[in-house]
Amino acid sequence: MQYLRWFLLPFSLIYGLVVVIRNWLYDAGFFKSHAFDIPVICIGNLEIGGAGKSPMTEHIVGLLKDEHKVATLSRGYGRETKGFLLAATTSTATQIGDEPSQFKHKFRDVTVAVCEDRVVGIEQLKANHDVIVMDDAFQHRAVKPGLSVLLFDYKNLQKPQIILPAGNLRESFSGRWRADIIVVTKCPAGINENDMTSCYNKLTPLSSQPLFFSSIAYKPLQTLDGASADISVDADTTVFLLTGIANPVPLVNYIGQSNARVIHHKYPDHHQFTTKNIVKLADEFKACASQKKIIITTEKDAQRLGIHELAGLPVYVQPIGVGFLNDAKPVFDKLIQNYVREH
């Protein structure tokens, strides 16, 4: 299948040309990029799929929320509604999207909004907020953010950087030079200085673009309502893992380190779990003869999980965060805080 994608290269050239022209029209001023008089932070990536945008959004929101009135603004991918909406604590993933639902579930006192048109969304939010954090908006050129944080998945960075449909890039690799900060995410535990230098040489950041490296910080398991879970996973445990995310491999590997038996129910990114999907999981779980068995899902997937078929079963959520390497967290945090205070 991978080799078949090479036959799509002519289409990538056409798509890439269209994107280059579009970006040039924005850069030249033919298409308008709207700047705002409040701090607007954009978090994004060049690739389709997950590079850790949600954990980074949560990290920045958590960093700023105690001193500033923060709002997050997302497209609300996969929702069944349209236009500008403010999330409530009772909002569902079908109403606002799974990632905004996750944000609201975690930060109940923070404004979470969705809108396909980010300019419209910011106009609705700017009067009552000190800073707006846009999730997955690097290609939304109609907004000119004050600070752009661009993420690259470490593993995918090692591959050829090819535009859709032959590759996975939404735009040319040269688009990275629009960013203010670059972060290589999901770095493996064994990453060394040579590996980081190789990433630096591939990214060739500008002198004005600080480069950070981070890993996935796995946190203790929680219940579906966010409470701490007094549960351990070991070699005697059978884990039924339910995922509908872009790249579940790191999570599978993390759980596998415990030597647990993992039965993975894997679905595409943003998959809307059906009753059939959940009943299948529940039936397999009940039929499993293991004495110690649990169900684990991700924070994002938990927002789309129909729990009535899993009632009475031990379902846990695996939270994740951002772990900065080289003790760089204070430096990164200060860059974010200084930008907001200065603007």
C-alpha atoms as a PDB file:
ATOM      1  CA  MET A   1       0.000   0.000   0.000  1.00  0.00           C
ATOM      2  CA  GLN A   2       2.868   2.355   0.868  1.00  0.00           C
ATOM      3  CA  TYR A   3       4.446   1.855  -2.546  1.00  0.00           C
ATOM      4  CA  LEU A   4       1.139   2.584  -4.288  1.00  0.00           C
ATOM      5  CA  ARG A   5       1.224   6.092  -2.846  1.00  0.00           C
ATOM      6  CA  TRP A   6       4.206   6.911  -5.052  1.00  0.00           C
ATOM      7  CA  PHE A   7       1.902   6.720  -8.064  1.00  0.00           C
ATOM      8  CA  LEU A   8       0.046   9.680  -6.545  1.00  0.00           C
ATOM      9  CA  LEU A   9       3.092  11.964  -6.806  1.00  0.00           C
ATOM     10  CA  PRO A  10       1.739  13.872  -9.838  1.00  0.00           C
ATOM     11  CA  PHE A  11      -1.343  14.753  -7.816  1.00  0.00           C
ATOM     12  CA  SER A  12       0.892  15.853  -4.925  1.00  0.00           C
ATOM     13  CA  LEU A  13       2.674  18.228  -7.273  1.00  0.00           C
ATOM     14  CA  ILE A  14      -0.638  19.736  -8.341  1.00  0.00           C
ATOM     15  CA  TYR A  15      -1.926  19.979  -4.773  1.00  0.00           C
ATOM     16  CA  GLY A  16       1.378  21.412  -3.592  1.00  0.00           C
ATOM     17  CA  LEU A  17       1.314  24.079  -6.316  1.00  0.00           C
ATOM     18  CA  VAL A  18      -2.182  25.133  -5.279  1.00  0.00           C
ATOM     19  CA  VAL A  19      -1.099  25.429  -1.623  1.00  0.00           C
ATOM     20  CA  VAL A  20       2.045  27.375  -2.529  1.00  0.00           C
ATOM     21  CA  ILE A  21      -0.001  29.831  -4.590  1.00  0.00           C
ATOM     22  CA  ARG A  22      -2.543  30.177  -1.773  1.00  0.00           C
ATOM     23  CA  ASN A  23       0.182  30.922   0.777  1.00  0.00           C
ATOM     24  CA  TRP A  24       1.830  33.406  -1.577  1.00  0.00           C
ATOM     25  CA  LEU A  25      -1.464  35.238  -2.017  1.00  0.00           C
ATOM     26  CA  TYR A  26      -1.733  35.570   1.761  1.00  0.00           C
ATOM     27  CA  ASP A  27       1.908  36.617   2.131  1.00  0.00           C
ATOM     28  CA  ALA A  28       1.557  39.187  -0.662  1.00  0.00           C
ATOM     29  CA  GLY A  29      -1.624  40.626   0.806  1.00  0.00           C
ATOM     30  CA  PHE A  30      -4.021  39.613  -1.964  1.00  0.00           C
ATOM     31  CA  PHE A  31      -5.855  37.454   0.598  1.00  0.00           C
ATOM     32  CA  LYS A  32      -6.382  39.178   3.948  1.00  0.00           C
ATOM     33  CA  SER A  33      -4.891  37.820   7.155  1.00  0.00           C
ATOM     34  CA  HIS A  34      -6.651  39.331  10.153  1.00  0.00           C
ATOM     35  CA  ALA A  35      -4.517  40.420  13.088  1.00  0.00           C
ATOM     36  CA  PHE A  36      -6.070  41.114  16.489  1.00  0.00           C
ATOM     37  CA  ASP A  37      -5.181  43.391  19.374  1.00  0.00           C
ATOM     38  CA  ILE A  38      -5.145  40.585  21.944  1.00  0.00           C
ATOM     39  CA  PRO A  39      -2.692  37.672  22.214  1.00  0.00           C
ATOM     40  CA  VAL A  40      -3.612  34.850  19.817  1.00  0.00           C
ATOM     41  CA  ILE A  41      -1.584  31.638  20.074  1.00  0.00           C
ATOM     42  CA  CYS A  42      -1.816  29.101  17.243  1.00  0.00           C
ATOM     43  CA  ILE A  43      -0.914  25.450  17.759  1.00  0.00           C
ATOM     44  CA  GLY A  44      -0.634  23.295  14.666  1.00  0.00           C
ATOM     45  CA  ASN A  45       1.345  20.922  12.512  1.00  0.00           C
ATOM     46  CA  LEU A  46       2.116  20.365   8.847  1.00  0.00           C
ATOM     47  CA  GLU A  47       0.991  16.748   8.763  1.00  0.00           C
ATOM     48  CA  ILE A  48      -2.413  15.190   8.858  1.00  0.00           C
ATOM     49  CA  GLY A  49      -2.927  13.108  11.959  1.00  0.00           C
ATOM     50  CA  GLY A  50      -1.769  13.531  15.518  1.00  0.00           C
ATOM     51  CA  ALA A  51       1.420  15.339  16.489  1.00  0.00           C
ATOM     52  CA  GLY A  52       0.295  16.078  20.035  1.00  0.00           C
ATOM     53  CA  LYS A  53      -1.695  19.272  19.468  1.00  0.00           C
ATOM     54  CA  SER A  54      -4.261  18.544  22.189  1.00  0.00           C
ATOM     55  CA  PRO A  55      -1.709  17.926  24.988  1.00  0.00           C
ATOM     56  CA  MET A  56       0.172  21.067  23.921  1.00  0.00           C
ATOM     57  CA  THR A  57      -3.047  23.087  23.932  1.00  0.00           C
ATOM     58  CA  GLU A  58      -3.818  21.796  27.412  1.00  0.00           C
ATOM     59  CA  HIS A  59      -0.294  22.583  28.589  1.00  0.00           C
ATOM     60  CA  ILE A  60      -0.540  26.202  27.425  1.00  0.00           C
ATOM     61  CA  VAL A  61      -4.062  26.636  28.798  1.00  0.00           C
ATOM     62  CA  GLY A  62      -2.964  25.223  32.145  1.00  0.00           C
ATOM     63  CA  LEU A  63       0.026  27.573  32.146  1.00  0.00           C
ATOM     64  CA  LEU A  64      -2.025  30.725  31.522  1.00  0.00           C
ATOM     65  CA  LYS A  65      -5.461  30.168  33.020  1.00  0.00           C
ATOM     66  CA  ASP A  66      -4.678  31.302  36.578  1.00  0.00           C
ATOM     67  CA  GLU A  67      -3.430  34.741  35.513  1.00  0.00           C
ATOM     68  CA  HIS A  68      -5.454  35.380  32.366  1.00  0.00           C
ATOM     69  CA  LYS A  69      -8.947  34.843  31.057  1.00  0.00           C
ATOM     70  CA  VAL A  70      -8.231  32.197  28.425  1.00  0.00           C
ATOM     71  CA  ALA A  71     -10.412  30.870  25.617  1.00  0.00           C
ATOM     72  CA  THR A  72      -9.666  27.954  23.321  1.00  0.00           C
ATOM     73  CA  LEU A  73     -10.956  28.050  19.766  1.00  0.00           C
ATOM     74  CA  SER A  74     -11.208  24.955  17.571  1.00  0.00           C
ATOM     75  CA  ARG A  75     -12.941  23.983  14.377  1.00  0.00           C
ATOM     76  CA  GLY A  76     -14.833  21.251  16.195  1.00  0.00           C
ATOM     77  CA  TYR A  77     -13.951  18.426  13.831  1.00  0.00           C
ATOM     78  CA  GLY A  78     -16.630  15.752  13.538  1.00  0.00           C
ATOM     79  CA  ARG A  79     -19.416  17.736  15.199  1.00  0.00           C
ATOM     80  CA  GLU A  80     -22.939  17.712  13.817  1.00  0.00           C
ATOM     81  CA  THR A  81     -23.483  21.444  14.422  1.00  0.00           C
ATOM     82  CA  LYS A  82     -22.386  24.510  12.459  1.00  0.00           C
ATOM     83  CA  GLY A  83     -21.176  28.010  13.238  1.00  0.00           C
ATOM     84  CA  PHE A  84     -19.945  29.532  16.479  1.00  0.00           C
ATOM     85  CA  LEU A  85     -20.762  27.659  19.686  1.00  0.00           C
ATOM     86  CA  LEU A  86     -19.650  27.990  23.282  1.00  0.00           C
ATOM     87  CA  ALA A  87     -19.156  24.683  25.048  1.00  0.00           C
ATOM     88  CA  ALA A  88     -21.011  23.880  28.233  1.00  0.00           C
ATOM     89  CA  THR A  89     -19.990  21.214  30.728  1.00  0.00           C
ATOM     90  CA  THR A  90     -22.882  19.151  29.356  1.00  0.00           C
ATOM     91  CA  SER A  91     -21.893  19.578  25.683  1.00  0.00           C
ATOM     92  CA  THR A  92     -21.231  16.342  23.824  1.00  0.00           C
ATOM     93  CA  ALA A  93     -18.669  15.447  21.167  1.00  0.00           C
ATOM     94  CA  THR A  94     -21.418  15.407  18.532  1.00  0.00           C
ATOM     95  CA  GLN A  95     -22.226  19.016  19.420  1.00  0.00           C
ATOM     96  CA  ILE A  96     -18.725  20.499  19.671  1.00  0.00           C
ATOM     97  CA  GLY A  97     -16.227  17.804  18.590  1.00  0.00           C
ATOM     98  CA  ASP A  98     -14.210  15.379  20.696  1.00  0.00           C
ATOM     99  CA  GLU A  99     -11.148  17.560  21.352  1.00  0.00           C
ATOM    100  CA  PRO A 100     -13.106  20.649  22.501  1.00  0.00           C
ATOM    101  CA  SER A 101     -15.218  18.315  24.633  1.00  0.00           C
ATOM    102  CA  GLN A 102     -12.010  16.996  26.178  1.00  0.00           C
ATOM    103  CA  PHE A 103     -10.799  20.556  26.882  1.00  0.00           C
ATOM    104  CA  LYS A 104     -14.072  21.499  28.575  1.00  0.00           C
ATOM    105  CA  HIS A 105     -14.097  18.285  30.588  1.00  0.00           C
ATOM    106  CA  LYS A 106     -10.617  19.117  31.911  1.00  0.00           C
ATOM    107  CA  PHE A 107     -10.875  22.903  32.243  1.00  0.00           C
ATOM    108  CA  ARG A 108     -14.432  23.563  33.347  1.00  0.00           C
ATOM    109  CA  ASP A 109     -13.790  27.239  34.148  1.00  0.00           C
ATOM    110  CA  VAL A 110     -12.093  28.002  30.815  1.00  0.00           C
ATOM    111  CA  THR A 111     -14.087  29.172  27.795  1.00  0.00           C
ATOM    112  CA  VAL A 112     -14.081  26.541  25.043  1.00  0.00           C
ATOM    113  CA  ALA A 113     -15.473  27.631  21.687  1.00  0.00           C
ATOM    114  CA  VAL A 114     -15.801  26.094  18.227  1.00  0.00           C
ATOM    115  CA  CYS A 115     -16.188  27.811  14.865  1.00  0.00           C
ATOM    116  CA  GLU A 116     -15.174  26.836  11.344  1.00  0.00           C
ATOM    117  CA  ASP A 117     -14.277  30.467  10.610  1.00  0.00           C
ATOM    118  CA  ARG A 118     -11.617  31.369  13.163  1.00  0.00           C
ATOM    119  CA  VAL A 119     -11.897  35.097  12.354  1.00  0.00           C
ATOM    120  CA  VAL A 120     -15.575  35.005  13.301  1.00  0.00           C
ATOM    121  CA  GLY A 121     -14.749  32.987  16.397  1.00  0.00           C
ATOM    122  CA  ILE A 122     -12.086  35.428  17.609  1.00  0.00           C
ATOM    123  CA  GLU A 123     -14.401  38.375  16.986  1.00  0.00           C
ATOM    124  CA  GLN A 124     -16.959  36.688  19.265  1.00  0.00           C
ATOM    125  CA  LEU A 125     -14.406  36.022  22.021  1.00  0.00           C
ATOM    126  CA  LYS A 126     -11.995  38.947  22.059  1.00  0.00           C
ATOM    127  CA  ALA A 127     -14.077  41.383  24.137  1.00  0.00           C
ATOM    128  CA  ASN A 128     -14.227  39.109  27.185  1.00  0.00           C
ATOM    129  CA  HIS A 129     -10.887  37.307  27.100  1.00  0.00           C
ATOM    130  CA  ASP A 130      -7.200  38.129  27.580  1.00  0.00           C
ATOM    131  CA  VAL A 131      -5.775  35.428  25.312  1.00  0.00           C
ATOM    132  CA  ILE A 132      -7.096  32.983  22.724  1.00  0.00           C
ATOM    133  CA  VAL A 133      -5.457  29.621  22.045  1.00  0.00           C
ATOM    134  CA  MET A 134      -6.307  28.182  18.622  1.00  0.00           C
ATOM    135  CA  ASP A 135      -6.023  24.433  18.258  1.00  0.00           C
ATOM    136  CA  ASP A 136      -5.009  23.022  14.842  1.00  0.00           C
ATOM    137  CA  ALA A 137      -5.044  26.327  12.953  1.00  0.00           C
ATOM    138  CA  PHE A 138      -1.592  26.628  11.355  1.00  0.00           C
ATOM    139  CA  GLN A 139      -3.081  26.376   7.851  1.00  0.00           C
ATOM    140  CA  HIS A 140      -5.915  28.809   8.703  1.00  0.00           C
ATOM    141  CA  ARG A 141      -4.154  31.763   7.099  1.00  0.00           C
ATOM    142  CA  ALA A 142      -7.159  34.088   7.435  1.00  0.00           C
ATOM    143  CA  VAL A 143      -5.967  34.660  11.016  1.00  0.00           C
ATOM    144  CA  LYS A 144      -2.530  36.141  11.656  1.00  0.00           C
ATOM    145  CA  PRO A 145      -1.642  34.799  15.099  1.00  0.00           C
ATOM    146  CA  GLY A 146       0.726  36.626  17.390  1.00  0.00           C
ATOM    147  CA  LEU A 147       2.546  33.396  18.235  1.00  0.00           C
ATOM    148  CA  SER A 148       2.612  30.114  16.301  1.00  0.00           C
ATOM    149  CA  VAL A 149       3.754  26.840  17.890  1.00  0.00           C
ATOM    150  CA  LEU A 150       4.434  24.194  15.230  1.00  0.00           C
ATOM    151  CA  LEU A 151       4.673  20.507  16.179  1.00  0.00           C
ATOM    152  CA  PHE A 152       6.481  17.645  14.422  1.00  0.00           C
ATOM    153  CA  ASP A 153       6.058  13.994  15.391  1.00  0.00           C
ATOM    154  CA  TYR A 154       9.605  12.642  15.894  1.00  0.00           C
ATOM    155  CA  LYS A 155       8.994   9.356  14.102  1.00  0.00           C
ATOM    156  CA  ASN A 156       7.308  10.967  11.107  1.00  0.00           C
ATOM    157  CA  LEU A 157      10.033  13.584  10.856  1.00  0.00           C
ATOM    158  CA  GLN A 158      12.446  10.809   9.922  1.00  0.00           C
ATOM    159  CA  LYS A 159      10.380   9.997   6.817  1.00  0.00           C
ATOM    160  CA  PRO A 160      10.356  11.809   3.446  1.00  0.00           C
ATOM    161  CA  GLN A 161       8.332  15.025   3.740  1.00  0.00           C
ATOM    162  CA  ILE A 162       5.863  14.724   0.857  1.00  0.00           C
ATOM    163  CA  ILE A 163       2.608  16.583   0.303  1.00  0.00           C
ATOM    164  CA  LEU A 164      -0.781  14.869   0.075  1.00  0.00           C
ATOM    165  CA  PRO A 165      -1.955  12.540  -1.390  1.00  0.00           C
ATOM    166  CA  ALA A 166       1.359  10.699  -1.905  1.00  0.00           C
ATOM    167  CA  GLY A 167       2.572  11.865   1.496  1.00  0.00           C
ATOM    168  CA  ASN A 168       1.018  13.221   4.672  1.00  0.00           C
ATOM    169  CA  LEU A 169       1.860  16.928   4.537  1.00  0.00           C
ATOM    170  CA  ARG A 170      -0.971  19.443   4.324  1.00  0.00           C
ATOM    171  CA  GLU A 171       1.440  21.985   2.849  1.00  0.00           C
ATOM    172  CA  SER A 172       5.072  22.254   1.792  1.00  0.00           C
ATOM    173  CA  PHE A 173       7.735  21.456   4.381  1.00  0.00           C
ATOM    174  CA  SER A 174       8.979  25.021   3.903  1.00  0.00           C
ATOM    175  CA  GLY A 175       5.822  26.173   5.693  1.00  0.00           C
ATOM    176  CA  ARG A 176       7.687  25.499   8.937  1.00  0.00           C
ATOM    177  CA  TRP A 177       9.448  28.848   8.592  1.00  0.00           C
ATOM    178  CA  ARG A 178       6.193  30.666   9.404  1.00  0.00           C
ATOM    179  CA  ALA A 179       6.324  29.296  12.949  1.00  0.00           C
ATOM    180  CA  ASP A 180       7.627  31.196  15.968  1.00  0.00           C
ATOM    181  CA  ILE A 181       8.386  28.082  18.027  1.00  0.00           C
ATOM    182  CA  ILE A 182       9.037  24.518  16.815  1.00  0.00           C
ATOM    183  CA  VAL A 183       8.574  21.432  18.986  1.00  0.00           C
ATOM    184  CA  VAL A 184       9.547  17.878  18.044  1.00  0.00           C
ATOM    185  CA  THR A 185       7.031  15.725  19.908  1.00  0.00           C
ATOM    186  CA  LYS A 186       6.694  12.070  20.917  1.00  0.00           C
ATOM    187  CA  CYS A 187      10.454  11.599  21.167  1.00  0.00           C
ATOM    188  CA  PRO A 188      11.492   8.050  22.167  1.00  0.00           C
ATOM    189  CA  ALA A 189      12.978   7.337  25.567  1.00  0.00           C
ATOM    190  CA  GLY A 190      16.373   6.574  24.072  1.00  0.00           C
ATOM    191  CA  ILE A 191      16.793   9.772  22.089  1.00  0.00           C
ATOM    192  CA  ASN A 192      20.339  11.143  22.271  1.00  0.00           C
ATOM    193  CA  GLU A 193      22.203  14.271  21.244  1.00  0.00           C
ATOM    194  CA  ASN A 194      23.001  12.877  17.782  1.00  0.00           C
ATOM    195  CA  ASP A 195      19.303  12.187  17.176  1.00  0.00           C
ATOM    196  CA  MET A 196      18.415  15.740  18.188  1.00  0.00           C
ATOM    197  CA  THR A 197      21.137  17.151  15.954  1.00  0.00           C
ATOM    198  CA  SER A 198      19.747  15.133  13.056  1.00  0.00           C
ATOM    199  CA  CYS A 199      16.303  16.646  13.680  1.00  0.00           C
ATOM    200  CA  TYR A 200      17.833  20.108  13.849  1.00  0.00           C
ATOM    201  CA  ASN A 201      19.627  19.600  10.542  1.00  0.00           C
ATOM    202  CA  LYS A 202      16.408  18.415   8.898  1.00  0.00           C
ATOM    203  CA  LEU A 203      14.310  21.278  10.253  1.00  0.00           C
ATOM    204  CA  THR A 204      17.020  23.947   9.834  1.00  0.00           C
ATOM    205  CA  PRO A 205      15.132  26.408  12.044  1.00  0.00           C
ATOM    206  CA  LEU A 206      15.727  30.112  11.636  1.00  0.00           C
ATOM    207  CA  SER A 207      17.761  31.882  14.303  1.00  0.00           C
ATOM    208  CA  SER A 208      14.486  33.352  15.574  1.00  0.00           C
ATOM    209  CA  GLN A 209      12.823  29.916  15.914  1.00  0.00           C
ATOM    210  CA  PRO A 210      13.638  28.151  19.207  1.00  0.00           C
ATOM    211  CA  LEU A 211      13.519  24.366  18.854  1.00  0.00           C
ATOM    212  CA  PHE A 212      12.269  22.124  21.670  1.00  0.00           C
ATOM    213  CA  PHE A 213      12.014  18.362  22.098  1.00  0.00           C
ATOM    214  CA  SER A 214       9.254  16.659  24.067  1.00  0.00           C
ATOM    215  CA  SER A 215       7.932  13.212  24.883  1.00  0.00           C
ATOM    216  CA  ILE A 216       4.545  11.859  25.883  1.00  0.00           C
ATOM    217  CA  ALA A 217       4.093  12.116  29.646  1.00  0.00           C
ATOM    218  CA  TYR A 218       1.732   9.332  30.691  1.00  0.00           C
ATOM    219  CA  LYS A 219      -0.214  10.091  33.847  1.00  0.00           C
ATOM    220  CA  PRO A 220      -1.991   7.722  36.272  1.00  0.00           C
ATOM    221  CA  LEU A 221      -5.201   6.148  35.044  1.00  0.00           C
ATOM    222  CA  GLN A 222      -8.473   7.917  35.799  1.00  0.00           C
ATOM    223  CA  THR A 223     -12.116   6.960  35.872  1.00  0.00           C
ATOM    224  CA  LEU A 224     -14.454   8.284  33.178  1.00  0.00           C
ATOM    225  CA  ASP A 225     -15.483  11.166  35.435  1.00  0.00           C
ATOM    226  CA  GLY A 226     -11.862  12.240  35.950  1.00  0.00           C
ATOM    227  CA  ALA A 227     -11.295  10.797  39.415  1.00  0.00           C
ATOM    228  CA  SER A 228      -8.046   9.089  40.342  1.00  0.00           C
ATOM    229  CA  ALA A 229      -8.121   5.329  39.786  1.00  0.00           C
ATOM    230  CA  ASP A 230      -6.520   2.987  42.280  1.00  0.00           C
ATOM    231  CA  ILE A 231      -5.551   0.388  39.693  1.00  0.00           C
ATOM    232  CA  SER A 232      -2.276  -1.143  38.560  1.00  0.00           C
ATOM    233  CA  VAL A 233      -1.457  -2.763  35.235  1.00  0.00           C
ATOM    234  CA  ASP A 234       0.979  -5.669  35.348  1.00  0.00           C
ATOM    235  CA  ALA A 235       1.787  -9.007  33.722  1.00  0.00           C
ATOM    236  CA  ASP A 236      -1.369 -10.546  35.170  1.00  0.00           C
ATOM    237  CA  THR A 237      -3.621  -7.919  33.554  1.00  0.00           C
ATOM    238  CA  THR A 238      -5.564  -8.243  30.325  1.00  0.00           C
ATOM    239  CA  VAL A 239      -6.127  -4.781  28.862  1.00  0.00           C
ATOM    240  CA  PHE A 240      -8.894  -4.184  26.343  1.00  0.00           C
ATOM    241  CA  LEU A 241      -7.649  -1.038  24.631  1.00  0.00           C
ATOM    242  CA  LEU A 242     -10.179   1.067  22.702  1.00  0.00           C
ATOM    243  CA  THR A 243      -8.778   3.782  20.424  1.00  0.00           C
ATOM    244  CA  GLY A 244      -9.997   6.034  17.642  1.00  0.00           C
ATOM    245  CA  ILE A 245      -6.946   8.277  17.348  1.00  0.00           C
ATOM    246  CA  ALA A 246      -4.465   8.969  14.551  1.00  0.00           C
ATOM    247  CA  ASN A 247      -1.505   7.128  16.067  1.00  0.00           C
ATOM    248  CA  PRO A 248      -2.166   4.688  18.915  1.00  0.00           C
ATOM    249  CA  VAL A 249       1.250   2.977  18.629  1.00  0.00           C
ATOM    250  CA  PRO A 250       2.925   4.924  21.475  1.00  0.00           C
ATOM    251  CA  LEU A 251       0.046   4.070  23.814  1.00  0.00           C
ATOM    252  CA  VAL A 252       0.135   0.406  22.839  1.00  0.00           C
ATOM    253  CA  ASN A 253       3.886   0.337  23.475  1.00  0.00           C
ATOM    254  CA  TYR A 254       3.491   2.117  26.806  1.00  0.00           C
ATOM    255  CA  ILE A 255       0.914  -0.366  28.084  1.00  0.00           C
ATOM    256  CA  GLY A 256       3.033  -3.200  26.694  1.00  0.00           C
ATOM    257  CA  GLN A 257       5.928  -2.178  28.955  1.00  0.00           C
ATOM    258  CA  SER A 258       3.928  -3.575  31.863  1.00  0.00           C
ATOM    259  CA  ASN A 259       3.895  -6.983  30.121  1.00  0.00           C
ATOM    260  CA  ALA A 260       0.113  -6.907  30.199  1.00  0.00           C
ATOM    261  CA  ARG A 261      -1.813  -8.744  27.513  1.00  0.00           C
ATOM    262  CA  VAL A 262      -3.280  -6.085  25.207  1.00  0.00           C
ATOM    263  CA  ILE A 263      -6.384  -6.703  23.078  1.00  0.00           C
ATOM    264  CA  HIS A 264      -6.643  -3.654  20.850  1.00  0.00           C
ATOM    265  CA  HIS A 265      -9.961  -2.474  19.416  1.00  0.00           C
ATOM    266  CA  LYS A 266      -8.550   0.010  16.890  1.00  0.00           C
ATOM    267  CA  TYR A 267     -10.629   2.481  14.877  1.00  0.00           C
ATOM    268  CA  PRO A 268      -9.772   5.490  12.644  1.00  0.00           C
ATOM    269  CA  ASP A 269      -9.114   8.957  14.057  1.00  0.00           C
ATOM    270  CA  HIS A 270     -12.273  10.708  15.360  1.00  0.00           C
ATOM    271  CA  HIS A 271     -14.296   7.509  14.798  1.00  0.00           C
ATOM    272  CA  GLN A 272     -17.856   7.822  16.064  1.00  0.00           C
ATOM    273  CA  PHE A 273     -18.252   4.657  18.089  1.00  0.00           C
ATOM    274  CA  THR A 274     -21.434   2.785  17.233  1.00  0.00           C
ATOM    275  CA  THR A 275     -23.516   0.641  19.529  1.00  0.00           C
ATOM    276  CA  LYS A 276     -22.211  -2.344  17.586  1.00  0.00           C
ATOM    277  CA  ASN A 277     -18.600  -1.327  18.325  1.00  0.00           C
ATOM    278  CA  ILE A 278     -19.264  -0.957  22.042  1.00  0.00           C
ATOM    279  CA  VAL A 279     -21.348  -4.127  22.356  1.00  0.00           C
ATOM    280  CA  LYS A 280     -18.563  -6.077  20.638  1.00  0.00           C
ATOM    281  CA  LEU A 281     -16.056  -4.727  23.161  1.00  0.00           C
ATOM    282  CA  ALA A 282     -18.342  -5.476  26.115  1.00  0.00           C
ATOM    283  CA  ASP A 283     -19.096  -9.017  24.902  1.00  0.00           C
ATOM    284  CA  GLU A 284     -15.396  -9.832  24.391  1.00  0.00           C
ATOM    285  CA  PHE A 285     -14.563  -8.390  27.786  1.00  0.00           C
ATOM    286  CA  LYS A 286     -17.213 -10.484  29.545  1.00  0.00           C
ATOM    287  CA  ALA A 287     -16.121 -13.623  27.673  1.00  0.00           C
ATOM    288  CA  CYS A 288     -12.466 -13.165  28.669  1.00  0.00           C
ATOM    289  CA  ALA A 289     -11.421 -15.695  31.320  1.00  0.00           C
ATOM    290  CA  SER A 290      -8.685 -13.498  32.806  1.00  0.00           C
ATOM    291  CA  GLN A 291      -9.059 -12.850  36.531  1.00  0.00           C
ATOM    292  CA  LYS A 292      -7.687  -9.312  36.207  1.00  0.00           C
ATOM    293  CA  LYS A 293      -9.051  -7.399  33.228  1.00  0.00           C
ATOM    294  CA  ILE A 294      -9.791  -3.750  32.503  1.00  0.00           C
ATOM    295  CA  ILE A 295     -10.788  -1.475  29.628  1.00  0.00           C
ATOM    296  CA  ILE A 296      -8.578   1.511  28.799  1.00  0.00           C
ATOM    297  CA  THR A 297      -9.330   4.305  26.354  1.00  0.00           C
ATOM    298  CA  THR A 298      -7.865   7.735  25.611  1.00  0.00           C
ATOM    299  CA  GLU A 299      -9.146  11.071  26.871  1.00  0.00           C
ATOM    300  CA  LYS A 300     -10.308  12.037  23.388  1.00  0.00           C
ATOM    301  CA  ASP A 301     -12.023   8.709  22.764  1.00  0.00           C
ATOM    302  CA  ALA A 302     -13.802   8.913  26.104  1.00  0.00           C
ATOM    303  CA  GLN A 303     -15.713  11.932  24.777  1.00  0.00           C
ATOM    304  CA  ARG A 304     -17.242   9.761  22.018  1.00  0.00           C
ATOM    305  CA  LEU A 305     -17.838   6.690  24.121  1.00  0.00           C
ATOM    306  CA  GLY A 306     -21.396   5.513  24.604  1.00  0.00           C
ATOM    307  CA  ILE A 307     -21.058   4.269  28.151  1.00  0.00           C
ATOM    308  CA  HIS A 308     -24.467   2.669  28.627  1.00  0.00           C
ATOM    309  CA  GLU A 309     -23.335  -0.615  27.030  1.00  0.00           C
ATOM    310  CA  LEU A 310     -20.245  -0.563  29.289  1.00  0.00           C
ATOM    311  CA  ALA A 311     -22.163   0.107  32.500  1.00  0.00           C
ATOM    312  CA  GLY A 312     -20.710  -1.831  35.412  1.00  0.00           C
ATOM    313  CA  LEU A 313     -17.458  -2.609  33.594  1.00  0.00           C
ATOM    314  CA  PRO A 314     -14.053  -1.275  34.733  1.00  0.00           C
ATOM    315  CA  VAL A 315     -13.409   1.458  32.150  1.00  0.00           C
ATOM    316  CA  TYR A 316     -10.427   3.757  32.668  1.00  0.00           C
ATOM    317  CA  VAL A 317      -8.993   6.734  30.823  1.00  0.00           C
ATOM    318  CA  GLN A 318      -5.281   7.175  30.095  1.00  0.00           C
ATOM    319  CA  PRO A 319      -4.398  10.893  30.442  1.00  0.00           C
ATOM    320  CA  ILE A 320      -1.270  12.246  28.787  1.00  0.00           C
ATOM    321  CA  GLY A 321       0.720  15.452  28.996  1.00  0.00           C
ATOM    322  CA  VAL A 322       3.813  17.098  27.512  1.00  0.00           C
ATOM    323  CA  GLY A 323       7.212  16.143  28.903  1.00  0.00           C
ATOM    324  CA  PHE A 324       9.891  18.592  27.753  1.00  0.00           C
ATOM    325  CA  LEU A 325      13.378  17.129  27.339  1.00  0.00           C
ATOM    326  CA  ASN A 326      16.674  18.737  28.398  1.00  0.00           C
ATOM    327  CA  ASP A 327      14.916  20.520  31.304  1.00  0.00           C
ATOM    328  CA  ALA A 328      13.500  22.948  28.731  1.00  0.00           C
ATOM    329  CA  LYS A 329      10.014  23.364  30.234  1.00  0.00           C
ATOM    330  CA  PRO A 330      10.821  26.627  32.113  1.00  0.00           C
ATOM    331  CA  VAL A 331      12.276  28.132  28.927  1.00  0.00           C
ATOM    332  CA  PHE A 332       9.244  27.166  26.848  1.00  0.00           C
ATOM    333  CA  ASP A 333       6.800  28.354  29.489  1.00  0.00           C
ATOM    334  CA  LYS A 334       8.584  31.689  29.818  1.00  0.00           C
ATOM    335  CA  LEU A 335       8.366  32.277  26.047  1.00  0.00           C
ATOM    336  CA  ILE A 336       4.599  31.760  26.194  1.00  0.00           C
ATOM    337  CA  GLN A 337       4.110  33.863  29.320  1.00  0.00           C
ATOM    338  CA  ASN A 338       6.290  36.712  28.062  1.00  0.00           C
ATOM    339  CA  TYR A 339       4.434  36.869  24.750  1.00  0.00           C
ATOM    340  CA  VAL A 340       1.072  37.139  26.520  1.00  0.00           C
ATOM    341  CA  ARG A 341       2.283  39.740  29.039  1.00  0.00           C
ATOM    342  CA  GLU A 342       3.926  41.887  26.352  1.00  0.00           C
ATOM    343  CA  HIS A 343       0.871  41.904  24.128  1.00  0.00           C
END
